[in-house]
C-alpha atoms as a PDB file:
ATOM      1  CA  MET A   1     -12.469   5.592  -8.883  1.00  0.00           C
ATOM      2  CA  GLN A   2     -13.487   3.558  -5.867  1.00  0.00           C
ATOM      3  CA  GLY A   3     -12.822  -0.024  -4.861  1.00  0.00           C
ATOM      4  CA  LYS A   4     -12.024  -2.596  -2.237  1.00  0.00           C
ATOM      5  CA  VAL A   5      -8.398  -2.788  -1.128  1.00  0.00           C
ATOM      6  CA  TRP A   6      -6.133  -5.789  -1.542  1.00  0.00           C
ATOM      7  CA  LYS A   7      -2.940  -5.380   0.448  1.00  0.00           C
ATOM      8  CA  PHE A   8       0.560  -6.523  -0.487  1.00  0.00           C
ATOM      9  CA  GLY A   9       3.935  -5.822   1.139  1.00  0.00           C
ATOM     10  CA  ASP A  10       7.236  -4.262   0.151  1.00  0.00           C
ATOM     11  CA  ASN A  11       9.249  -5.126  -2.943  1.00  0.00           C
ATOM     12  CA  ILE A  12       6.479  -6.780  -4.941  1.00  0.00           C
ATOM     13  CA  ASP A  13       8.410  -7.491  -8.103  1.00  0.00           C
ATOM     14  CA  THR A  14       7.155  -7.999 -11.625  1.00  0.00           C
ATOM     15  CA  ASP A  15       7.567 -11.791 -11.249  1.00  0.00           C
ATOM     16  CA  LEU A  16       5.060 -11.726  -8.385  1.00  0.00           C
ATOM     17  CA  ILE A  17       2.696  -9.542 -10.399  1.00  0.00           C
ATOM     18  CA  ILE A  18       2.850 -11.902 -13.403  1.00  0.00           C
ATOM     19  CA  ALA A  19       5.170 -14.901 -13.248  1.00  0.00           C
ATOM     20  CA  ALA A  20       7.680 -15.388 -16.051  1.00  0.00           C
ATOM     21  CA  ARG A  21       6.133 -18.777 -16.908  1.00  0.00           C
ATOM     22  CA  TYR A  22       3.129 -16.900 -18.358  1.00  0.00           C
ATOM     23  CA  LEU A  23       5.116 -14.558 -20.568  1.00  0.00           C
ATOM     24  CA  ASN A  24       4.701 -16.695 -23.663  1.00  0.00           C
ATOM     25  CA  THR A  25       1.765 -14.401 -24.429  1.00  0.00           C
ATOM     26  CA  SER A  26       1.095 -10.705 -24.222  1.00  0.00           C
ATOM     27  CA  GLU A  27      -2.669 -11.193 -24.578  1.00  0.00           C
ATOM     28  CA  PRO A  28      -4.151  -9.153 -21.700  1.00  0.00           C
ATOM     29  CA  SER A  29      -7.014 -11.553 -20.933  1.00  0.00           C
ATOM     30  CA  ALA A  30      -4.616 -14.513 -20.678  1.00  0.00           C
ATOM     31  CA  LEU A  31      -2.260 -12.595 -18.383  1.00  0.00           C
ATOM     32  CA  ALA A  32      -5.177 -11.434 -16.206  1.00  0.00           C
ATOM     33  CA  LYS A  33      -5.967 -15.031 -15.228  1.00  0.00           C
ATOM     34  CA  HIS A  34      -2.625 -15.286 -13.423  1.00  0.00           C
ATOM     35  CA  VAL A  35      -2.077 -11.828 -11.942  1.00  0.00           C
ATOM     36  CA  MET A  36      -0.542 -11.894  -8.429  1.00  0.00           C
ATOM     37  CA  GLU A  37      -0.780 -15.707  -8.490  1.00  0.00           C
ATOM     38  CA  ASP A  38       2.580 -16.304  -6.787  1.00  0.00           C
ATOM     39  CA  ALA A  39       1.848 -13.695  -4.094  1.00  0.00           C
ATOM     40  CA  ASP A  40      -1.710 -14.969  -3.461  1.00  0.00           C
ATOM     41  CA  PRO A  41      -2.841 -18.029  -5.466  1.00  0.00           C
ATOM     42  CA  GLU A  42      -6.521 -17.148  -4.944  1.00  0.00           C
ATOM     43  CA  PHE A  43      -6.231 -13.447  -5.736  1.00  0.00           C
ATOM     44  CA  VAL A  44      -7.935 -13.533  -9.150  1.00  0.00           C
ATOM     45  CA  SER A  45     -10.893 -15.502  -7.805  1.00  0.00           C
ATOM     46  CA  LYS A  46     -11.331 -13.148  -4.815  1.00  0.00           C
ATOM     47  CA  MET A  47     -10.923  -9.731  -6.436  1.00  0.00           C
ATOM     48  CA  LYS A  48     -13.553  -7.863  -8.396  1.00  0.00           C
ATOM     49  CA  GLU A  49     -13.360  -5.372 -11.254  1.00  0.00           C
ATOM     50  CA  GLY A  50     -12.527  -1.928  -9.881  1.00  0.00           C
ATOM     51  CA  ASP A  51     -10.634  -3.185  -6.828  1.00  0.00           C
ATOM     52  CA  ILE A  52      -7.456  -1.409  -5.776  1.00  0.00           C
ATOM     53  CA  ILE A  53      -4.079  -2.772  -4.724  1.00  0.00           C
ATOM     54  CA  VAL A  54      -2.317  -1.045  -1.846  1.00  0.00           C
ATOM     55  CA  ALA A  55       1.277  -2.127  -1.394  1.00  0.00           C
ATOM     56  CA  GLY A  56       4.470  -1.272   0.411  1.00  0.00           C
ATOM     57  CA  GLU A  57       7.677   0.280  -0.841  1.00  0.00           C
ATOM     58  CA  ASN A  58       9.161  -0.340  -4.281  1.00  0.00           C
ATOM     59  CA  PHE A  59       6.128  -1.894  -5.990  1.00  0.00           C
ATOM     60  CA  GLY A  60       6.952  -3.237  -9.458  1.00  0.00           C
ATOM     61  CA  CYS A  61      10.669  -3.731  -8.954  1.00  0.00           C
ATOM     62  CA  GLY A  62      12.495  -6.369 -10.967  1.00  0.00           C
ATOM     63  CA  SER A  63      12.346  -6.687 -14.717  1.00  0.00           C
ATOM     64  CA  SER A  64      11.129  -3.971 -17.033  1.00  0.00           C
ATOM     65  CA  ARG A  65       8.377  -6.043 -18.626  1.00  0.00           C
ATOM     66  CA  GLU A  66       5.208  -4.234 -19.621  1.00  0.00           C
ATOM     67  CA  HIS A  67       3.267  -7.429 -18.923  1.00  0.00           C
ATOM     68  CA  ALA A  68       2.948  -6.502 -15.227  1.00  0.00           C
ATOM     69  CA  PRO A  69       0.778  -3.380 -15.588  1.00  0.00           C
ATOM     70  CA  ILE A  70      -1.047  -4.972 -18.537  1.00  0.00           C
ATOM     71  CA  ALA A  71      -1.978  -7.974 -16.369  1.00  0.00           C
ATOM     72  CA  LEU A  72      -3.156  -5.798 -13.468  1.00  0.00           C
ATOM     73  CA  LYS A  73      -5.268  -3.599 -15.705  1.00  0.00           C
ATOM     74  CA  ALA A  74      -6.733  -6.541 -17.636  1.00  0.00           C
ATOM     75  CA  ALA A  75      -7.660  -8.275 -14.368  1.00  0.00           C
ATOM     76  CA  GLY A  76      -9.755  -5.236 -13.471  1.00  0.00           C
ATOM     77  CA  ILE A  77      -7.497  -3.530 -10.939  1.00  0.00           C
ATOM     78  CA  SER A  78      -8.468   0.146 -11.168  1.00  0.00           C
ATOM     79  CA  ALA A  79      -5.355   1.536  -9.449  1.00  0.00           C
ATOM     80  CA  VAL A  80      -2.303   0.755  -7.347  1.00  0.00           C
ATOM     81  CA  ILE A  81      -1.323   2.817  -4.315  1.00  0.00           C
ATOM     82  CA  ALA A  82       2.117   2.500  -2.725  1.00  0.00           C
ATOM     83  CA  PRO A  83       4.656   4.749  -1.003  1.00  0.00           C
ATOM     84  CA  THR A  84       7.117   4.193  -3.879  1.00  0.00           C
ATOM     85  CA  PHE A  85       7.238   2.437  -7.232  1.00  0.00           C
ATOM     86  CA  ALA A  86      10.133   1.102  -9.228  1.00  0.00           C
ATOM     87  CA  ARG A  87      10.781   3.766 -11.854  1.00  0.00           C
ATOM     88  CA  ILE A  88      10.396   1.499 -14.892  1.00  0.00           C
ATOM     89  CA  PHE A  89       7.105   0.127 -13.518  1.00  0.00           C
ATOM     90  CA  TYR A  90       5.932   3.706 -12.911  1.00  0.00           C
ATOM     91  CA  ARG A  91       6.559   4.603 -16.539  1.00  0.00           C
ATOM     92  CA  ASN A  92       5.119   1.334 -17.891  1.00  0.00           C
ATOM     93  CA  ALA A  93       1.967   1.679 -15.782  1.00  0.00           C
ATOM     94  CA  PHE A  94       1.098   5.077 -17.248  1.00  0.00           C
ATOM     95  CA  ASN A  95       2.072   3.948 -20.737  1.00  0.00           C
ATOM     96  CA  MET A  96      -0.373   1.050 -20.375  1.00  0.00           C
ATOM     97  CA  GLY A  97      -3.107   3.237 -18.848  1.00  0.00           C
ATOM     98  CA  LEU A  98      -2.920   1.868 -15.290  1.00  0.00           C
ATOM     99  CA  PRO A  99      -3.177   4.690 -12.748  1.00  0.00           C
ATOM    100  CA  ILE A 100      -0.750   4.454  -9.844  1.00  0.00           C
ATOM    101  CA  PHE A 101      -0.441   6.782  -6.883  1.00  0.00           C
ATOM    102  CA  GLU A 102       2.467   7.420  -4.547  1.00  0.00           C
ATOM    103  CA  LEU A 103       1.125   7.785  -1.026  1.00  0.00           C
ATOM    104  CA  LYS A 104       3.535   7.662   1.909  1.00  0.00           C
ATOM    105  CA  GLU A 105       0.683   6.727   4.294  1.00  0.00           C
ATOM    106  CA  ALA A 106      -0.284   3.643   2.270  1.00  0.00           C
ATOM    107  CA  GLU A 107       0.525   1.360   5.217  1.00  0.00           C
ATOM    108  CA  GLU A 108      -2.382   2.931   7.158  1.00  0.00           C
ATOM    109  CA  ILE A 109      -4.879   1.497   4.669  1.00  0.00           C
ATOM    110  CA  ASN A 110      -6.069  -2.024   5.528  1.00  0.00           C
ATOM    111  CA  GLU A 111      -7.047  -4.912   3.310  1.00  0.00           C
ATOM    112  CA  GLY A 112     -10.798  -4.856   2.829  1.00  0.00           C
ATOM    113  CA  ASP A 113     -11.096  -1.089   3.275  1.00  0.00           C
ATOM    114  CA  VAL A 114     -12.951   0.780   0.550  1.00  0.00           C
ATOM    115  CA  VAL A 115     -11.018   3.713  -0.878  1.00  0.00           C
ATOM    116  CA  ARG A 116     -11.928   6.395  -3.374  1.00  0.00           C
ATOM    117  CA  ILE A 117      -9.284   8.187  -5.425  1.00  0.00           C
ATOM    118  CA  ASP A 118      -9.738  11.688  -6.783  1.00  0.00           C
ATOM    119  CA  MET A 119      -6.942  12.172  -9.335  1.00  0.00           C
ATOM    120  CA  ASN A 120      -7.689  15.845  -9.879  1.00  0.00           C
ATOM    121  CA  ALA A 121      -7.756  16.778  -6.200  1.00  0.00           C
ATOM    122  CA  GLY A 122      -4.825  14.524  -5.326  1.00  0.00           C
ATOM    123  CA  GLU A 123      -6.760  12.669  -2.643  1.00  0.00           C
ATOM    124  CA  VAL A 124      -7.193   9.115  -1.461  1.00  0.00           C
ATOM    125  CA  ILE A 125     -10.283   8.875   0.702  1.00  0.00           C
ATOM    126  CA  ASN A 126     -10.471   5.824   2.926  1.00  0.00           C
ATOM    127  CA  VAL A 127     -14.251   5.486   3.079  1.00  0.00           C
ATOM    128  CA  THR A 128     -14.044   2.691   5.670  1.00  0.00           C
ATOM    129  CA  GLN A 129     -11.834   4.619   8.092  1.00  0.00           C
ATOM    130  CA  ALA A 130     -13.188   8.095   7.211  1.00  0.00           C
ATOM    131  CA  LYS A 131      -9.659   9.382   6.534  1.00  0.00           C
ATOM    132  CA  THR A 132      -8.384  11.487   3.661  1.00  0.00           C
ATOM    133  CA  TYR A 133      -4.797  11.433   2.431  1.00  0.00           C
ATOM    134  CA  LYS A 134      -3.200  13.905   0.046  1.00  0.00           C
ATOM    135  CA  PHE A 135      -0.767  13.037  -2.723  1.00  0.00           C
ATOM    136  CA  VAL A 136       0.851  15.173  -5.380  1.00  0.00           C
ATOM    137  CA  PRO A 137      -1.733  15.212  -8.176  1.00  0.00           C
ATOM    138  CA  ILE A 138      -0.811  13.363 -11.346  1.00  0.00           C
ATOM    139  CA  PRO A 139       0.188  15.842 -14.073  1.00  0.00           C
ATOM    140  CA  GLU A 140      -2.573  16.572 -16.560  1.00  0.00           C
ATOM    141  CA  PHE A 141      -0.709  14.937 -19.453  1.00  0.00           C
ATOM    142  CA  MET A 142      -0.345  11.684 -17.494  1.00  0.00           C
ATOM    143  CA  GLN A 143      -4.027  11.809 -16.561  1.00  0.00           C
ATOM    144  CA  GLU A 144      -4.771  12.103 -20.280  1.00  0.00           C
ATOM    145  CA  LEU A 145      -2.691   8.956 -20.891  1.00  0.00           C
ATOM    146  CA  VAL A 146      -4.704   7.053 -18.275  1.00  0.00           C
ATOM    147  CA  ASN A 147      -8.039   8.383 -19.555  1.00  0.00           C
ATOM    148  CA  ALA A 148      -7.132   7.408 -23.121  1.00  0.00           C
ATOM    149  CA  GLY A 149      -6.240   3.864 -22.034  1.00  0.00           C
ATOM    150  CA  GLY A 150      -2.482   4.251 -22.354  1.00  0.00           C
ATOM    151  CA  LEU A 151       0.155   5.770 -24.589  1.00  0.00           C
ATOM    152  CA  ILE A 152      -0.780   3.896 -27.778  1.00  0.00           C
ATOM    153  CA  GLU A 153      -4.469   4.812 -27.508  1.00  0.00           C
ATOM    154  CA  PHE A 154      -3.492   8.408 -26.677  1.00  0.00           C
ATOM    155  CA  ALA A 155      -1.276   8.555 -29.773  1.00  0.00           C
ATOM    156  CA  LYS A 156      -4.035   7.111 -31.979  1.00  0.00           C
ATOM    157  CA  LYS A 157      -6.407   9.792 -30.710  1.00  0.00           C
ATOM    158  CA  GLU A 158      -3.841  12.537 -31.356  1.00  0.00           C
ATOM    159  CA  ILE A 159      -3.195  11.292 -34.909  1.00  0.00           C
ATOM    160  CA  LYS A 160      -6.919  11.168 -35.572  1.00  0.00           C
ATOM    161  CA  ASN A 161      -7.359  14.725 -34.235  1.00  0.00           C
ATOM    162  CA  GLN A 162      -4.482  16.003 -36.385  1.00  0.00           C
ATOM    163  CA  ALA A 163      -5.934  14.365 -39.480  1.00  0.00           C
ATOM    164  CA  LYS A 164      -9.204  16.222 -38.877  1.00  0.00           C
ATOM    165  CA  ALA A 165      -7.434  19.575 -38.509  1.00  0.00           C
END
């Protein structure tokens, strides 16, 4: 995956990702219209499908709502890179099919840079700066979750495969 970087700081909580006032729905397209609105009111109008968020420490802290990764994915964010993620957000992101990558050097990536992520090789390539960063590759099972579109889609596929067997 490859995209333009949008940069956010430390401790971006789930209320900044999708404000509680929008949680009267879990419809992905409705949530997508308001993603990151309280952190950057113009974010949705500026970003494009496939763009990547690079943030600081503890991305996704706060409540355990699944709406946050759903909103990011539905808005077209292809991945999130940060040095650390809140554990519940980490789990929810993979369960919803949003790839996230822990990269301690995330602060070296600038807003507007173009980065490419190779999940298999465990690399983030900053195309703009001509730098390559290594991260611990995502386990194969978790890559399968992302490729399937999340845990529910993965489970549907597994049930279908078992029915054929």
